[in-house]
Protein backbone atom coordinates (compact mmCIF):
# COMPACT_ATOMS: atom_id res chain seq x y z
CA UNK A 1 -60.28 11.95 19.06
CA UNK A 2 -62.03 11.96 22.44
CA UNK A 3 -65.75 12.63 22.19
CA UNK A 4 -68.25 13.75 24.81
CA UNK A 5 -71.73 12.21 24.90
CA UNK A 6 -75.17 13.78 25.12
CA UNK A 7 -78.08 11.60 26.34
CA UNK A 8 -81.61 12.82 25.86
CA UNK A 9 -85.20 11.74 25.51
CA UNK A 10 -86.33 12.31 21.94
CA UNK A 11 -89.58 13.80 23.31
CA UNK A 12 -87.47 16.89 24.15
CA UNK A 13 -87.16 17.68 20.44
CA UNK A 14 -89.37 20.20 18.63
CA UNK A 15 -89.45 18.03 15.48
CA UNK A 16 -88.30 14.54 14.47
CA UNK A 17 -84.61 13.89 13.92
CA UNK A 18 -83.37 14.66 10.41
CA UNK A 19 -82.81 11.53 8.31
CA UNK A 20 -79.22 10.35 8.29
CA UNK A 21 -78.48 11.71 11.78
CA UNK A 22 -76.17 9.33 13.66
CA UNK A 23 -77.52 8.46 17.11
CA UNK A 24 -77.37 5.44 19.36
CA UNK A 25 -80.80 4.41 20.67
CA UNK A 26 -80.45 3.08 24.24
CA UNK A 27 -84.13 2.34 24.85
CA UNK A 28 -87.55 3.25 23.46
CA UNK A 29 -87.14 7.02 23.92
CA UNK A 30 -83.52 7.73 24.94
CA UNK A 31 -80.89 8.62 22.35
CA UNK A 32 -77.16 9.30 22.64
CA UNK A 33 -74.91 11.17 20.27
CA UNK A 34 -71.23 12.03 20.31
CA UNK A 35 -70.03 15.64 20.48
CA UNK A 36 -66.53 16.74 19.41
CA UNK A 37 -64.37 18.03 22.25
CA UNK A 38 -64.94 21.75 22.92
CA UNK A 39 -68.40 21.91 21.31
CA UNK A 40 -71.36 22.90 23.50
CA UNK A 41 -74.68 21.05 23.60
CA UNK A 42 -76.34 24.02 21.85
CA UNK A 43 -73.69 24.09 19.12
CA UNK A 44 -73.97 20.34 18.60
CA UNK A 45 -77.75 20.47 18.14
CA UNK A 46 -77.51 23.56 15.90
CA UNK A 47 -74.91 21.87 13.67
CA UNK A 48 -77.37 18.99 13.17
CA UNK A 49 -80.34 21.32 12.57
CA UNK A 50 -82.17 19.96 15.64
CA UNK A 51 -84.23 22.19 17.93
CA UNK A 52 -84.92 21.41 21.58
CA UNK A 53 -88.15 22.35 23.33
CA UNK A 54 -88.10 25.15 25.90
CA UNK A 55 -87.30 24.24 29.50
CA UNK A 56 -84.53 21.68 28.94
CA UNK A 57 -81.93 21.26 31.69
CA UNK A 58 -78.46 19.78 31.22
CA UNK A 59 -76.91 17.69 34.00
CA UNK A 60 -73.21 16.89 34.21
CA UNK A 61 -72.14 14.72 37.14
CA UNK A 62 -75.48 15.46 38.83
CA UNK A 63 -74.99 19.24 38.59
CA UNK A 64 -76.93 21.61 36.34
CA UNK A 65 -74.78 23.14 33.59
CA UNK A 66 -75.59 25.71 30.93
CA UNK A 67 -76.33 24.36 27.44
CA UNK A 68 -73.68 26.75 26.09
CA UNK A 69 -70.89 25.24 28.23
CA UNK A 70 -68.25 23.52 26.08
CA UNK A 71 -67.94 19.79 26.70
CA UNK A 72 -64.45 18.49 27.43
CA UNK A 73 -63.00 15.03 26.95
CA UNK A 74 -65.28 12.10 27.62
CA UNK A 75 -67.89 14.02 29.66
CA UNK A 76 -71.47 12.81 29.46
CA UNK A 77 -74.36 15.25 29.70
CA UNK A 78 -77.96 14.18 30.25
CA UNK A 79 -80.77 16.45 29.03
CA UNK A 80 -83.98 16.44 31.06
CA UNK A 81 -87.20 18.45 31.07
CA UNK A 82 -87.15 21.25 33.62
CA UNK A 83 -89.43 20.57 36.57
CA UNK A 84 -91.00 23.47 38.44
CA UNK A 85 -92.09 23.43 42.04
CA UNK A 86 -90.97 23.79 45.61
CA UNK A 87 -90.54 26.83 47.79
C-alpha cells in the first residue's frame, strides 16, 4: 500500500503525542508519520486523537493546501505555523 507522509514540528501539537503512536523522529523537534492513501491530514490526526494548535498551514510541493484535502499516493505534506504580515 502506498502511503503519504506528514512532516511537522511537535511544537504544533496542543498536547504531547499519545503513547504508542508510531512516528519517525527526523531531528530534535520534527516528526513524520505515514497516512493511508485518501486520508486527509485532519482525518489522520483525528484518528490518532492528536490536536493541532490553531494557525497551522499545510504545504504540498511548496503550495498551501487545505488540511481537509485527501492525500494521494506518496505525497509529502509539511505542516508549519502560519506567519502573519505583509501588505
